[in-house]
């Protein structure tokens, strides 16, 4: 049982709200009350007296209840506090943040936004690790290059995308569940991924540029390669193509 024991009203409100949002069982006491026999972790504030107990005590401050609750989850579940971020690369990558075996956050964003989320999630956690699937090679390579100061493992993502039965949600749910599976698989440590686009990949970029062009025009080979390398977006490539014609 998680025990919240603080006289800091702001912290109390934030922690209780976060615990309820996550459907976690907890109880509340005054800081000097007797600690329940079934307590597994105690949440208090820096201003409260430190409980005299062998039970793990997590000290929080107002303004960041999520980090405090994730520390509590790590203790309760016997995790060493490590955060693992799984990424299923693609047109809109799925991202899953795990604390031990528990999923604590999920996202689905544009490829250009992935690194920012990774850096936000990795901050203030011990030994964070990113695991990214080896599919969508060009997008995955750009994401790897964008991520700094966080170790990355490249994971064989074969079979990580689950079948979604009736009522299980849209395609985005499959991407997120794939990211969860990727986060739980060991991979090969990488710092970068040198990927040369295939003729088929370049052709798909050209086709996408035609679809997005108001004049139904496709960009050329050179611009397609720059898009593949992450130097330009398709919109930027179309603008350059228009300027040159």
Protein backbone atom coordinates (compact mmCIF):
# COMPACT_ATOMS: atom_id res chain seq x y z
CA UNK A 1 0.00 0.00 0.00
CA UNK A 2 1.30 3.45 -0.96
CA UNK A 3 1.02 5.93 1.91
CA UNK A 4 0.84 9.70 1.36
CA UNK A 5 1.97 11.52 4.50
CA UNK A 6 2.44 15.24 4.05
CA UNK A 7 1.15 18.56 5.34
CA UNK A 8 2.03 20.23 2.05
CA UNK A 9 -1.46 20.71 0.59
CA UNK A 10 -0.26 21.41 -2.95
CA UNK A 11 1.93 18.31 -3.04
CA UNK A 12 -0.82 16.24 -1.41
CA UNK A 13 -3.35 17.28 -4.05
CA UNK A 14 -0.96 16.64 -6.95
CA UNK A 15 0.19 13.22 -5.71
CA UNK A 16 -3.30 12.01 -4.86
CA UNK A 17 -4.58 13.12 -8.27
CA UNK A 18 -1.72 11.34 -10.05
CA UNK A 19 -2.24 8.15 -8.06
CA UNK A 20 -5.96 8.18 -8.81
CA UNK A 21 -5.35 8.81 -12.50
CA UNK A 22 -3.17 5.70 -12.57
CA UNK A 23 -5.68 3.63 -10.55
CA UNK A 24 -3.05 2.95 -7.87
CA UNK A 25 -4.14 1.94 -4.38
CA UNK A 26 -3.09 4.32 -1.63
CA UNK A 27 -4.04 5.76 1.73
CA UNK A 28 -3.31 9.08 3.42
CA UNK A 29 -2.15 9.86 6.94
CA UNK A 30 -0.74 12.80 8.91
CA UNK A 31 3.08 12.83 8.97
CA UNK A 32 3.19 11.93 12.67
CA UNK A 33 0.50 9.22 12.49
CA UNK A 34 1.34 5.55 12.87
CA UNK A 35 2.39 3.99 9.58
CA UNK A 36 0.01 1.26 8.39
CA UNK A 37 1.37 -2.29 8.68
CA UNK A 38 0.81 -2.97 4.98
CA UNK A 39 2.67 0.13 3.78
CA UNK A 40 5.13 -0.50 0.95
CA UNK A 41 6.23 3.09 0.25
CA UNK A 42 5.70 6.50 1.85
CA UNK A 43 5.41 9.80 0.00
CA UNK A 44 6.28 12.94 1.95
CA UNK A 45 7.69 16.42 1.31
CA UNK A 46 11.02 18.04 2.11
CA UNK A 47 9.28 20.15 4.78
CA UNK A 48 7.75 17.18 6.60
CA UNK A 49 9.62 15.27 9.31
CA UNK A 50 11.34 12.18 7.98
CA UNK A 51 9.44 9.05 9.12
CA UNK A 52 11.38 6.67 11.34
CA UNK A 53 10.86 3.50 9.37
CA UNK A 54 12.59 0.93 7.20
CA UNK A 55 9.92 1.38 4.54
CA UNK A 56 11.15 3.29 1.46
CA UNK A 57 10.42 7.03 1.72
CA UNK A 58 10.04 9.10 -1.45
CA UNK A 59 10.36 12.85 -0.98
CA UNK A 60 8.51 15.02 -3.47
CA UNK A 61 8.05 18.67 -4.27
CA UNK A 62 5.05 20.41 -5.83
CA UNK A 63 5.11 20.83 -9.57
CA UNK A 64 6.29 17.41 -10.71
CA UNK A 65 3.98 14.73 -9.29
CA UNK A 66 4.54 12.36 -12.17
CA UNK A 67 8.25 11.95 -11.43
CA UNK A 68 7.51 11.38 -7.74
CA UNK A 69 4.87 8.76 -8.48
CA UNK A 70 7.15 7.00 -10.95
CA UNK A 71 9.77 6.79 -8.20
CA UNK A 72 7.11 5.24 -5.99
CA UNK A 73 6.17 2.73 -8.70
CA UNK A 74 9.82 1.78 -9.12
CA UNK A 75 10.13 1.06 -5.40
CA UNK A 76 6.83 -0.80 -5.07
CA UNK A 77 7.55 -3.02 -8.07
CA UNK A 78 11.12 -3.73 -7.10
CA UNK A 79 12.52 -1.89 -10.10
CA UNK A 80 15.93 -0.25 -9.88
CA UNK A 81 14.45 2.98 -11.22
CA UNK A 82 15.60 2.56 -14.81
CA UNK A 83 13.45 4.09 -17.49
CA UNK A 84 13.28 2.32 -20.87
CA UNK A 85 11.81 4.18 -23.83
CA UNK A 86 10.60 2.04 -26.72
CA UNK A 87 10.15 3.57 -30.17
CA UNK A 88 8.31 2.05 -33.13
CA UNK A 89 9.57 4.22 -36.02
CA UNK A 90 7.31 5.15 -38.91
CA UNK A 91 5.36 8.07 -40.35
CA UNK A 92 4.00 8.78 -36.85
CA UNK A 93 6.23 6.85 -34.44
CA UNK A 94 4.74 5.17 -31.40
CA UNK A 95 6.59 5.79 -28.12
CA UNK A 96 6.20 3.87 -24.85
CA UNK A 97 7.93 4.77 -21.58
CA UNK A 98 8.40 1.85 -19.19
CA UNK A 99 9.42 1.76 -15.56
CA UNK A 100 10.33 -1.87 -15.07
CA UNK A 101 7.46 -3.79 -16.65
CA UNK A 102 4.99 -0.96 -16.13
CA UNK A 103 3.99 1.39 -18.93
CA UNK A 104 3.98 4.90 -17.44
CA UNK A 105 3.48 7.01 -20.59
CA UNK A 106 2.74 6.65 -24.30
CA UNK A 107 2.89 9.03 -27.25
CA UNK A 108 2.39 9.13 -30.99
CA UNK A 109 4.03 12.09 -32.68
CA UNK A 110 5.81 13.24 -35.82
CA UNK A 111 9.38 11.91 -36.29
CA UNK A 112 10.82 15.38 -35.69
CA UNK A 113 9.25 15.47 -32.21
CA UNK A 114 10.55 12.11 -30.97
CA UNK A 115 13.95 13.27 -29.70
CA UNK A 116 12.42 16.07 -27.62
CA UNK A 117 10.06 13.62 -25.92
CA UNK A 118 12.89 11.17 -25.30
CA UNK A 119 15.02 13.86 -23.68
CA UNK A 120 12.11 15.03 -21.52
CA UNK A 121 11.36 11.48 -20.38
CA UNK A 122 15.00 10.57 -19.77
CA UNK A 123 15.74 13.60 -17.59
CA UNK A 124 16.24 12.91 -13.88
CA UNK A 125 16.03 9.11 -14.20
CA UNK A 126 18.86 6.69 -13.48
CA UNK A 127 20.42 4.99 -16.50
CA UNK A 128 17.69 5.69 -19.06
CA UNK A 129 17.76 3.56 -22.20
CA UNK A 130 16.17 3.94 -25.62
CA UNK A 131 15.21 0.90 -27.67
CA UNK A 132 14.15 1.58 -31.25
CA UNK A 133 12.83 -0.86 -33.83
CA UNK A 134 14.88 -1.52 -36.96
CA UNK A 135 11.95 -0.96 -39.35
CA UNK A 136 11.25 2.28 -41.26
CA UNK A 137 15.01 2.52 -41.74
CA UNK A 138 15.27 6.10 -42.95
CA UNK A 139 13.03 7.55 -40.26
CA UNK A 140 14.65 5.41 -37.57
CA UNK A 141 18.13 6.56 -38.63
CA UNK A 142 17.08 10.21 -38.36
CA UNK A 143 15.58 9.64 -34.92
CA UNK A 144 18.78 7.96 -33.71
CA UNK A 145 20.85 10.90 -34.97
CA UNK A 146 18.53 13.37 -33.19
CA UNK A 147 18.82 11.69 -29.77
CA UNK A 148 21.73 12.87 -27.64
CA UNK A 149 23.24 11.68 -24.35
CA UNK A 150 20.94 8.66 -24.00
CA UNK A 151 22.17 5.14 -24.85
CA UNK A 152 20.30 3.52 -27.74
CA UNK A 153 19.72 -0.09 -28.69
CA UNK A 154 18.52 -1.13 -32.14
CA UNK A 155 15.95 -3.92 -31.80
CA UNK A 156 14.76 -6.50 -34.33
CA UNK A 157 11.11 -5.48 -34.44
CA UNK A 158 9.91 -8.57 -36.29
CA UNK A 159 6.60 -9.64 -34.78
CA UNK A 160 6.31 -6.67 -32.39
CA UNK A 161 3.19 -5.19 -34.00
CA UNK A 162 0.16 -6.96 -32.54
CA UNK A 163 -3.05 -7.89 -34.28
CA UNK A 164 -5.86 -5.58 -33.20
CA UNK A 165 -9.17 -7.37 -32.94
CA UNK A 166 -12.61 -5.84 -33.16
CA UNK A 167 -12.97 -2.77 -30.97
CA UNK A 168 -9.25 -2.63 -30.14
CA UNK A 169 -8.69 0.81 -31.63
CA UNK A 170 -7.07 2.47 -34.60
CA UNK A 171 -3.68 1.95 -36.23
CA UNK A 172 -2.04 4.26 -33.68
CA UNK A 173 -2.76 1.77 -30.92
CA UNK A 174 -0.81 -0.90 -32.79
CA UNK A 175 2.19 1.45 -33.08
CA UNK A 176 2.12 2.16 -29.35
CA UNK A 177 1.80 -1.51 -28.42
CA UNK A 178 4.67 -2.29 -30.78
CA UNK A 179 6.73 0.35 -28.93
CA UNK A 180 5.91 -1.40 -25.64
CA UNK A 181 7.12 -4.71 -27.07
CA UNK A 182 10.27 -3.09 -28.46
CA UNK A 183 11.04 -1.56 -25.04
CA UNK A 184 10.99 -5.04 -23.51
CA UNK A 185 13.45 -6.60 -26.00
CA UNK A 186 17.23 -6.43 -25.86
CA UNK A 187 18.95 -4.97 -28.89
CA UNK A 188 22.35 -3.98 -30.24
CA UNK A 189 23.91 -0.78 -28.89
CA UNK A 190 24.27 1.87 -31.61
CA UNK A 191 25.27 5.52 -31.80
CA UNK A 192 24.16 6.10 -35.38
CA UNK A 193 22.74 4.21 -38.33
CA UNK A 194 24.13 4.77 -41.80
CA UNK A 195 21.30 3.98 -44.19
CA UNK A 196 21.32 4.63 -47.92
CA UNK A 197 17.86 4.95 -49.42
CA UNK A 198 16.83 2.29 -51.90
CA UNK A 199 15.33 3.14 -55.29
CA UNK A 200 11.95 2.06 -53.94
CA UNK A 201 12.24 4.35 -50.89
CA UNK A 202 13.21 7.31 -53.08
CA UNK A 203 10.28 6.59 -55.37
CA UNK A 204 7.87 6.58 -52.42
CA UNK A 205 9.22 9.98 -51.33
CA UNK A 206 8.65 11.31 -54.83
CA UNK A 207 5.11 9.93 -54.85
CA UNK A 208 4.37 11.52 -51.48
CA UNK A 209 5.70 14.86 -52.79
CA UNK A 210 3.36 14.61 -55.77
CA UNK A 211 0.42 13.92 -53.45
CA UNK A 212 1.28 17.01 -51.38
CA UNK A 213 1.96 19.26 -54.34
CA UNK A 214 -0.78 21.67 -55.38
CA UNK A 215 0.49 21.38 -58.98
CA UNK A 216 0.67 17.55 -58.88
CA UNK A 217 4.45 17.74 -59.33
CA UNK A 218 7.01 15.37 -57.87
CA UNK A 219 10.43 16.41 -56.63
CA UNK A 220 13.55 15.13 -58.33
CA UNK A 221 16.14 12.55 -57.27
CA UNK A 222 18.49 14.99 -55.51
CA UNK A 223 15.76 16.55 -53.39
CA UNK A 224 14.31 13.11 -52.63
CA UNK A 225 17.71 12.04 -51.28
CA UNK A 226 17.85 15.13 -49.06
CA UNK A 227 14.39 14.31 -47.72
CA UNK A 228 15.52 10.73 -47.08
CA UNK A 229 18.56 12.02 -45.19
CA UNK A 230 16.39 14.23 -43.01
CA UNK A 231 17.86 17.45 -44.36
CA UNK A 232 14.51 18.62 -45.74
CA UNK A 233 10.85 17.95 -45.17
CA UNK A 234 8.74 17.16 -48.22
CA UNK A 235 7.14 20.60 -47.89
CA UNK A 236 10.58 22.26 -47.92
CA UNK A 237 11.69 20.11 -50.85
CA UNK A 238 8.57 21.09 -52.81
CA UNK A 239 9.34 24.75 -52.14
CA UNK A 240 12.90 24.36 -53.46
CA UNK A 241 11.61 22.42 -56.45
CA UNK A 242 9.18 25.23 -57.25
CA UNK A 243 11.94 27.85 -56.93
CA UNK A 244 14.11 25.98 -59.45
CA UNK A 245 11.41 25.69 -62.10
